């Protein structure tokens, strides 16, 4: 091969197909322009929306919390950390948990998975996914 060899026929730019790919962008909760909006928290300034969001998540956890019989019988207790994404569709996704026992982790994931659809967070006017984390304490009372 030398400099006079033709490598390939050059096509026209118009012949190239460009396909737009929708990216799933994640923006941290602490820096997002418009946080996800929990049902009932609409039409508030950002600081009050954040407080409303946090209170609504806590209320949801309390309302849906069940101490499983198996955990009670075995005396299992502890804190479970749950990380999840509020997707650009408004639904909860990619739930991950870490805690003192798998039984408690499974229950914590069930609670978070039952969250209502939210208005997704927005960055520069575009719906984006927002990671969020919460800890749930399972405490045995004597």
N, C-alpha and C. Protein backbone atom coordinates (compact mmCIF):
# COMPACT_ATOMS: atom_id res chain seq x y z
N UNK A 1 0.84 -1.17 0.00
CA UNK A 1 0.00 0.00 0.00
C UNK A 1 0.89 1.24 0.00
N UNK A 2 0.55 2.23 -0.83
CA UNK A 2 1.30 3.49 -0.86
C UNK A 2 0.33 4.66 -0.93
N UNK A 3 0.85 5.85 -1.10
CA UNK A 3 0.01 7.05 -1.06
C UNK A 3 -0.94 7.18 -2.23
N UNK A 4 -0.73 6.49 -3.28
CA UNK A 4 -1.61 6.61 -4.44
C UNK A 4 -2.79 5.65 -4.39
N UNK A 5 -2.76 4.69 -3.46
CA UNK A 5 -3.87 3.73 -3.33
C UNK A 5 -5.11 4.44 -2.76
N UNK A 6 -6.27 4.07 -3.28
CA UNK A 6 -7.53 4.61 -2.78
C UNK A 6 -8.01 3.69 -1.67
N UNK A 7 -8.23 4.25 -0.50
CA UNK A 7 -8.63 3.44 0.65
C UNK A 7 -10.12 3.13 0.61
N UNK A 8 -10.93 4.14 0.49
CA UNK A 8 -12.37 3.92 0.46
C UNK A 8 -13.03 5.10 -0.22
N UNK A 9 -14.18 4.84 -0.79
CA UNK A 9 -14.94 5.89 -1.42
C UNK A 9 -15.56 6.74 -0.32
N UNK A 10 -15.42 8.02 -0.43
CA UNK A 10 -15.95 8.93 0.58
C UNK A 10 -17.40 9.24 0.23
N UNK A 11 -18.28 9.05 1.20
CA UNK A 11 -19.70 9.32 1.01
C UNK A 11 -20.02 10.77 1.31
N UNK A 12 -21.23 11.16 1.05
CA UNK A 12 -21.67 12.51 1.34
C UNK A 12 -22.24 12.56 2.76
N UNK A 13 -22.16 13.71 3.37
CA UNK A 13 -22.68 13.89 4.73
C UNK A 13 -24.17 13.59 4.77
N UNK A 14 -24.88 13.95 3.74
CA UNK A 14 -26.32 13.72 3.68
C UNK A 14 -26.67 12.24 3.71
N UNK A 15 -25.73 11.38 3.34
CA UNK A 15 -25.98 9.94 3.30
C UNK A 15 -25.84 9.28 4.68
N UNK A 16 -25.33 10.01 5.64
CA UNK A 16 -25.12 9.46 6.98
C UNK A 16 -26.39 9.65 7.81
N UNK A 17 -26.86 8.55 8.41
CA UNK A 17 -28.04 8.63 9.27
C UNK A 17 -27.60 8.92 10.69
N UNK A 18 -28.23 9.91 11.29
CA UNK A 18 -27.93 10.27 12.66
C UNK A 18 -29.13 9.91 13.51
N UNK A 19 -28.88 9.12 14.52
CA UNK A 19 -29.95 8.70 15.40
C UNK A 19 -29.75 9.36 16.76
N UNK A 20 -30.80 10.01 17.24
CA UNK A 20 -30.71 10.64 18.55
C UNK A 20 -30.91 9.58 19.61
N UNK A 21 -30.01 9.58 20.58
CA UNK A 21 -30.10 8.63 21.67
C UNK A 21 -30.48 9.40 22.93
N UNK A 22 -31.55 8.94 23.56
CA UNK A 22 -32.00 9.61 24.78
C UNK A 22 -31.14 9.13 25.94
N UNK A 23 -30.44 10.04 26.57
CA UNK A 23 -29.57 9.69 27.68
C UNK A 23 -30.36 9.71 28.98
N UNK A 24 -30.03 8.80 29.86
CA UNK A 24 -30.61 8.82 31.19
C UNK A 24 -29.59 9.50 32.09
N UNK A 25 -29.78 10.77 32.31
CA UNK A 25 -28.84 11.56 33.09
C UNK A 25 -29.26 11.51 34.55
N UNK A 26 -28.27 11.33 35.44
CA UNK A 26 -28.53 11.36 36.88
C UNK A 26 -27.93 12.64 37.45
N UNK A 27 -28.75 13.35 38.22
CA UNK A 27 -28.29 14.58 38.87
C UNK A 27 -28.54 14.42 40.37
N UNK A 28 -27.51 14.63 41.20
CA UNK A 28 -27.70 14.48 42.64
C UNK A 28 -28.80 15.38 43.19
N UNK A 29 -29.52 14.88 44.18
CA UNK A 29 -30.62 15.60 44.80
C UNK A 29 -30.16 16.97 45.32
N UNK A 30 -28.96 17.03 45.87
CA UNK A 30 -28.47 18.26 46.50
C UNK A 30 -28.18 19.40 45.52
N UNK A 31 -28.02 19.09 44.23
CA UNK A 31 -27.68 20.14 43.27
C UNK A 31 -28.68 20.30 42.13
N UNK A 32 -29.72 19.49 42.10
CA UNK A 32 -30.66 19.56 40.98
C UNK A 32 -31.43 20.88 41.01
N UNK A 33 -31.73 21.40 39.84
CA UNK A 33 -32.46 22.67 39.74
C UNK A 33 -33.88 22.53 40.27
N UNK A 34 -34.60 21.49 39.82
CA UNK A 34 -35.97 21.24 40.27
C UNK A 34 -36.05 19.81 40.80
N UNK A 35 -36.24 19.68 42.12
CA UNK A 35 -36.27 18.35 42.73
C UNK A 35 -37.50 17.58 42.28
N UNK A 36 -37.47 16.24 42.41
CA UNK A 36 -38.70 15.48 42.15
C UNK A 36 -39.80 15.97 43.10
N UNK A 37 -41.02 15.98 42.63
CA UNK A 37 -42.13 16.49 43.44
C UNK A 37 -43.03 15.33 43.84
N UNK A 38 -43.13 15.13 45.15
CA UNK A 38 -44.00 14.10 45.70
C UNK A 38 -45.44 14.59 45.58
N UNK A 39 -46.40 13.68 45.27
CA UNK A 39 -47.80 14.11 45.18
C UNK A 39 -48.23 14.85 46.45
N UNK A 40 -48.80 16.03 46.27
CA UNK A 40 -49.22 16.86 47.40
C UNK A 40 -48.23 17.95 47.73
N UNK A 41 -47.06 17.92 47.12
CA UNK A 41 -46.02 18.93 47.40
C UNK A 41 -45.87 19.94 46.27
N UNK A 42 -46.79 19.95 45.35
CA UNK A 42 -46.71 20.86 44.22
C UNK A 42 -46.91 22.31 44.67
N UNK A 43 -46.58 23.25 43.81
CA UNK A 43 -46.82 24.68 44.00
C UNK A 43 -46.23 25.24 45.29
N UNK A 44 -44.98 24.89 45.55
CA UNK A 44 -44.27 25.43 46.71
C UNK A 44 -42.90 25.92 46.26
N UNK A 45 -42.34 26.83 47.01
CA UNK A 45 -40.98 27.26 46.70
C UNK A 45 -40.03 26.11 46.99
N UNK A 46 -38.83 26.15 46.39
CA UNK A 46 -37.92 25.01 46.46
C UNK A 46 -37.62 24.54 47.88
N UNK A 47 -37.33 25.46 48.79
CA UNK A 47 -37.00 25.07 50.17
C UNK A 47 -38.16 24.33 50.83
N UNK A 48 -39.38 24.79 50.59
CA UNK A 48 -40.55 24.12 51.17
C UNK A 48 -40.86 22.82 50.44
N UNK A 49 -40.55 22.75 49.14
CA UNK A 49 -40.74 21.50 48.41
C UNK A 49 -39.81 20.42 48.94
N UNK A 50 -38.57 20.79 49.24
CA UNK A 50 -37.60 19.83 49.78
C UNK A 50 -38.11 19.28 51.11
N UNK A 51 -38.55 20.17 52.00
CA UNK A 51 -39.06 19.75 53.31
C UNK A 51 -40.30 18.87 53.13
N UNK A 52 -41.19 19.27 52.25
CA UNK A 52 -42.40 18.50 51.98
C UNK A 52 -42.04 17.11 51.44
N UNK A 53 -41.07 17.06 50.51
CA UNK A 53 -40.62 15.80 49.92
C UNK A 53 -40.09 14.88 51.03
N UNK A 54 -39.19 15.40 51.87
CA UNK A 54 -38.60 14.59 52.93
C UNK A 54 -39.67 14.11 53.91
N UNK A 55 -40.59 14.98 54.29
CA UNK A 55 -41.67 14.60 55.20
C UNK A 55 -42.59 13.56 54.58
N UNK A 56 -42.88 13.70 53.29
CA UNK A 56 -43.75 12.75 52.60
C UNK A 56 -43.11 11.36 52.52
N UNK A 57 -41.80 11.31 52.27
CA UNK A 57 -41.10 10.03 52.22
C UNK A 57 -41.15 9.37 53.61
N UNK A 58 -40.87 10.16 54.65
CA UNK A 58 -40.91 9.62 56.03
C UNK A 58 -42.31 9.12 56.37
N UNK A 59 -43.33 9.89 56.03
CA UNK A 59 -44.72 9.49 56.31
C UNK A 59 -45.07 8.20 55.57
N UNK A 60 -44.59 8.08 54.33
CA UNK A 60 -44.83 6.86 53.56
C UNK A 60 -44.19 5.65 54.23
N UNK A 61 -42.96 5.83 54.70
CA UNK A 61 -42.26 4.72 55.38
C UNK A 61 -43.03 4.31 56.63
N UNK A 62 -43.43 5.28 57.43
CA UNK A 62 -44.16 4.98 58.66
C UNK A 62 -45.48 4.28 58.36
N UNK A 63 -46.20 4.79 57.38
CA UNK A 63 -47.51 4.22 57.03
C UNK A 63 -47.40 2.78 56.52
N UNK A 64 -46.35 2.49 55.77
CA UNK A 64 -46.22 1.17 55.13
C UNK A 64 -45.29 0.22 55.87
N UNK A 65 -44.75 0.65 57.00
CA UNK A 65 -43.81 -0.15 57.77
C UNK A 65 -44.50 -1.36 58.40
N UNK A 66 -43.90 -2.52 58.23
CA UNK A 66 -44.39 -3.75 58.88
C UNK A 66 -43.16 -4.48 59.42
N UNK A 67 -43.22 -4.80 60.69
CA UNK A 67 -42.14 -5.61 61.26
C UNK A 67 -42.51 -7.05 60.98
N UNK A 68 -41.77 -7.69 60.12
CA UNK A 68 -42.11 -9.05 59.70
C UNK A 68 -42.04 -10.03 60.86
N UNK A 69 -42.97 -10.99 60.88
CA UNK A 69 -43.02 -11.99 61.94
C UNK A 69 -41.70 -12.74 62.08
N UNK A 70 -41.10 -13.09 60.95
CA UNK A 70 -39.83 -13.83 60.98
C UNK A 70 -38.75 -13.02 61.70
N UNK A 71 -38.71 -11.72 61.45
CA UNK A 71 -37.73 -10.86 62.10
C UNK A 71 -38.02 -10.74 63.59
N UNK A 72 -39.30 -10.66 63.94
CA UNK A 72 -39.68 -10.59 65.35
C UNK A 72 -39.28 -11.87 66.09
N UNK A 73 -39.60 -13.01 65.48
CA UNK A 73 -39.31 -14.30 66.11
C UNK A 73 -37.81 -14.51 66.31
N UNK A 74 -37.02 -14.04 65.36
CA UNK A 74 -35.57 -14.21 65.44
C UNK A 74 -34.88 -13.07 66.20
N UNK A 75 -35.65 -12.06 66.60
CA UNK A 75 -35.08 -10.93 67.32
C UNK A 75 -34.16 -10.08 66.48
N UNK A 76 -34.47 -9.99 65.19
CA UNK A 76 -33.63 -9.23 64.26
C UNK A 76 -34.03 -7.75 64.29
N UNK A 77 -33.05 -6.90 64.43
CA UNK A 77 -33.29 -5.46 64.41
C UNK A 77 -32.07 -4.78 63.79
N UNK A 78 -32.21 -3.50 63.55
CA UNK A 78 -31.09 -2.74 63.00
C UNK A 78 -31.54 -1.71 61.99
N UNK A 79 -30.56 -1.04 61.43
CA UNK A 79 -30.81 0.02 60.46
C UNK A 79 -30.54 -0.51 59.05
N UNK A 80 -31.40 -0.12 58.11
CA UNK A 80 -31.22 -0.48 56.71
C UNK A 80 -31.09 0.83 55.92
N UNK A 81 -30.03 0.91 55.14
CA UNK A 81 -29.81 2.06 54.26
C UNK A 81 -30.31 1.68 52.87
N UNK A 82 -31.18 2.53 52.33
CA UNK A 82 -31.77 2.24 51.03
C UNK A 82 -31.39 3.36 50.07
N UNK A 83 -30.81 2.99 48.94
CA UNK A 83 -30.48 3.92 47.87
C UNK A 83 -31.39 3.58 46.69
N UNK A 84 -32.00 4.60 46.12
CA UNK A 84 -32.87 4.36 44.96
C UNK A 84 -32.82 5.57 44.04
N UNK A 85 -33.37 5.37 42.87
CA UNK A 85 -33.41 6.42 41.85
C UNK A 85 -34.87 6.81 41.64
N UNK A 86 -35.11 8.10 41.59
CA UNK A 86 -36.40 8.58 41.11
C UNK A 86 -36.15 8.85 39.64
N UNK A 87 -36.62 7.94 38.81
CA UNK A 87 -36.30 7.96 37.38
C UNK A 87 -36.92 9.17 36.68
N UNK A 88 -36.46 9.41 35.46
CA UNK A 88 -36.99 10.54 34.69
C UNK A 88 -38.44 10.34 34.28
N UNK A 89 -39.00 9.19 34.63
CA UNK A 89 -40.43 8.92 34.41
C UNK A 89 -41.24 9.24 35.66
N UNK A 90 -40.56 9.44 36.81
CA UNK A 90 -41.24 9.72 38.07
C UNK A 90 -41.40 8.50 38.95
N UNK A 91 -41.09 7.33 38.41
CA UNK A 91 -41.20 6.09 39.19
C UNK A 91 -39.87 5.77 39.89
N UNK A 92 -39.97 5.03 40.98
CA UNK A 92 -38.78 4.59 41.72
C UNK A 92 -38.15 3.43 40.96
N UNK A 93 -36.81 3.41 40.91
CA UNK A 93 -36.09 2.36 40.19
C UNK A 93 -34.76 2.08 40.89
N UNK A 94 -34.12 1.01 40.49
CA UNK A 94 -32.77 0.64 40.95
C UNK A 94 -32.62 0.71 42.47
N UNK A 95 -33.50 0.03 43.17
CA UNK A 95 -33.47 0.05 44.63
C UNK A 95 -32.37 -0.89 45.12
N UNK A 96 -31.51 -0.37 45.99
CA UNK A 96 -30.45 -1.16 46.60
C UNK A 96 -30.50 -0.90 48.10
N UNK A 97 -30.23 -1.95 48.88
CA UNK A 97 -30.25 -1.76 50.32
C UNK A 97 -29.08 -2.46 50.98
N UNK A 98 -28.73 -1.94 52.16
CA UNK A 98 -27.67 -2.56 52.94
C UNK A 98 -28.07 -2.42 54.40
N UNK A 99 -28.09 -3.55 55.09
CA UNK A 99 -28.51 -3.50 56.48
C UNK A 99 -27.98 -4.68 57.25
N UNK A 100 -28.52 -4.83 58.45
CA UNK A 100 -28.04 -5.86 59.36
C UNK A 100 -28.55 -7.25 59.02
N UNK A 101 -29.61 -7.34 58.19
CA UNK A 101 -30.16 -8.65 57.86
C UNK A 101 -30.94 -8.58 56.55
N UNK A 102 -30.92 -9.67 55.79
CA UNK A 102 -31.61 -9.72 54.49
C UNK A 102 -33.12 -9.56 54.64
N UNK A 103 -33.69 -10.07 55.73
CA UNK A 103 -35.13 -9.95 55.95
C UNK A 103 -35.51 -8.47 56.06
N UNK A 104 -34.73 -7.71 56.81
CA UNK A 104 -35.00 -6.28 56.97
C UNK A 104 -34.76 -5.52 55.66
N UNK A 105 -33.72 -5.92 54.94
CA UNK A 105 -33.43 -5.27 53.65
C UNK A 105 -34.60 -5.46 52.69
N UNK A 106 -35.13 -6.67 52.65
CA UNK A 106 -36.24 -6.98 51.74
C UNK A 106 -37.46 -6.13 52.09
N UNK A 107 -37.74 -5.98 53.39
CA UNK A 107 -38.89 -5.17 53.82
C UNK A 107 -38.67 -3.70 53.48
N UNK A 108 -37.48 -3.19 53.68
CA UNK A 108 -37.17 -1.79 53.36
C UNK A 108 -37.34 -1.55 51.85
N UNK A 109 -36.90 -2.49 51.04
CA UNK A 109 -37.04 -2.35 49.58
C UNK A 109 -38.52 -2.38 49.19
N UNK A 110 -39.31 -3.21 49.86
CA UNK A 110 -40.75 -3.28 49.57
C UNK A 110 -41.41 -1.93 49.85
N UNK A 111 -41.05 -1.32 50.98
CA UNK A 111 -41.62 -0.03 51.35
C UNK A 111 -41.29 1.03 50.29
N UNK A 112 -40.03 1.11 49.90
CA UNK A 112 -39.61 2.12 48.91
C UNK A 112 -40.22 1.83 47.55
N UNK A 113 -40.32 0.58 47.19
CA UNK A 113 -40.90 0.20 45.90
C UNK A 113 -42.38 0.59 45.79
N UNK A 114 -43.04 0.78 46.93
CA UNK A 114 -44.47 1.14 46.90
C UNK A 114 -44.70 2.65 46.86
N UNK A 115 -43.63 3.44 46.73
CA UNK A 115 -43.79 4.90 46.62
C UNK A 115 -44.62 5.26 45.40
N UNK A 116 -45.40 6.31 45.53
CA UNK A 116 -46.23 6.79 44.43
C UNK A 116 -45.37 7.41 43.32
N UNK A 117 -45.95 7.47 42.13
CA UNK A 117 -45.27 8.15 41.02
C UNK A 117 -45.16 9.63 41.37
N UNK A 118 -43.99 10.19 41.09
CA UNK A 118 -43.74 11.60 41.37
C UNK A 118 -43.56 12.37 40.07
N UNK A 119 -43.56 13.68 40.18
CA UNK A 119 -43.16 14.50 39.05
C UNK A 119 -41.64 14.43 39.05
N UNK A 120 -41.02 13.99 37.95
CA UNK A 120 -39.56 13.81 37.96
C UNK A 120 -38.80 15.11 38.17
N UNK A 121 -37.58 14.97 38.68
CA UNK A 121 -36.70 16.11 38.82
C UNK A 121 -36.32 16.65 37.45
N UNK A 122 -35.98 17.93 37.39
CA UNK A 122 -35.61 18.53 36.10
C UNK A 122 -34.32 19.31 36.24
N UNK A 123 -33.50 19.18 35.22
CA UNK A 123 -32.26 19.94 35.10
C UNK A 123 -32.29 20.61 33.74
N UNK A 124 -32.21 21.93 33.72
CA UNK A 124 -32.29 22.72 32.47
C UNK A 124 -33.57 22.39 31.69
N UNK A 125 -34.65 22.16 32.42
CA UNK A 125 -35.95 21.91 31.80
C UNK A 125 -36.16 20.49 31.30
N UNK A 126 -35.19 19.61 31.50
CA UNK A 126 -35.29 18.22 31.01
C UNK A 126 -35.44 17.28 32.21
N UNK A 127 -36.39 16.35 32.12
CA UNK A 127 -36.59 15.36 33.18
C UNK A 127 -35.35 14.47 33.29
N UNK A 128 -34.84 14.33 34.51
CA UNK A 128 -33.64 13.53 34.75
C UNK A 128 -33.89 12.58 35.92
N UNK A 129 -33.03 11.59 36.05
CA UNK A 129 -33.09 10.67 37.18
C UNK A 129 -32.35 11.28 38.37
N UNK A 130 -32.90 11.06 39.56
CA UNK A 130 -32.32 11.64 40.77
C UNK A 130 -32.11 10.55 41.81
N UNK A 131 -30.84 10.30 42.21
CA UNK A 131 -30.60 9.32 43.28
C UNK A 131 -31.01 9.92 44.62
N UNK A 132 -31.53 9.06 45.48
CA UNK A 132 -31.94 9.49 46.82
C UNK A 132 -31.68 8.33 47.78
N UNK A 133 -31.36 8.66 49.01
CA UNK A 133 -31.14 7.60 50.00
C UNK A 133 -31.86 7.93 51.30
N UNK A 134 -32.20 6.87 52.00
CA UNK A 134 -32.90 7.00 53.28
C UNK A 134 -32.48 5.84 54.16
N UNK A 135 -32.53 6.05 55.46
CA UNK A 135 -32.27 4.93 56.37
C UNK A 135 -33.57 4.62 57.11
N UNK A 136 -33.80 3.33 57.30
CA UNK A 136 -34.99 2.87 58.02
C UNK A 136 -34.51 2.05 59.20
N UNK A 137 -34.94 2.44 60.40
CA UNK A 137 -34.54 1.72 61.61
C UNK A 137 -35.61 0.74 62.03
N UNK A 138 -35.20 -0.49 62.23
CA UNK A 138 -36.08 -1.54 62.74
C UNK A 138 -35.69 -1.75 64.20
N UNK A 139 -36.61 -1.38 65.10
CA UNK A 139 -36.30 -1.41 66.53
C UNK A 139 -37.30 -2.33 67.22
N UNK A 140 -36.78 -3.26 68.03
CA UNK A 140 -37.64 -4.14 68.83
C UNK A 140 -37.96 -3.46 70.14
N UNK A 141 -39.23 -3.42 70.50
CA UNK A 141 -39.62 -2.84 71.79
C UNK A 141 -39.85 -3.97 72.76
N UNK A 142 -39.40 -3.76 73.98
CA UNK A 142 -39.56 -4.80 75.00
C UNK A 142 -40.83 -4.65 75.77
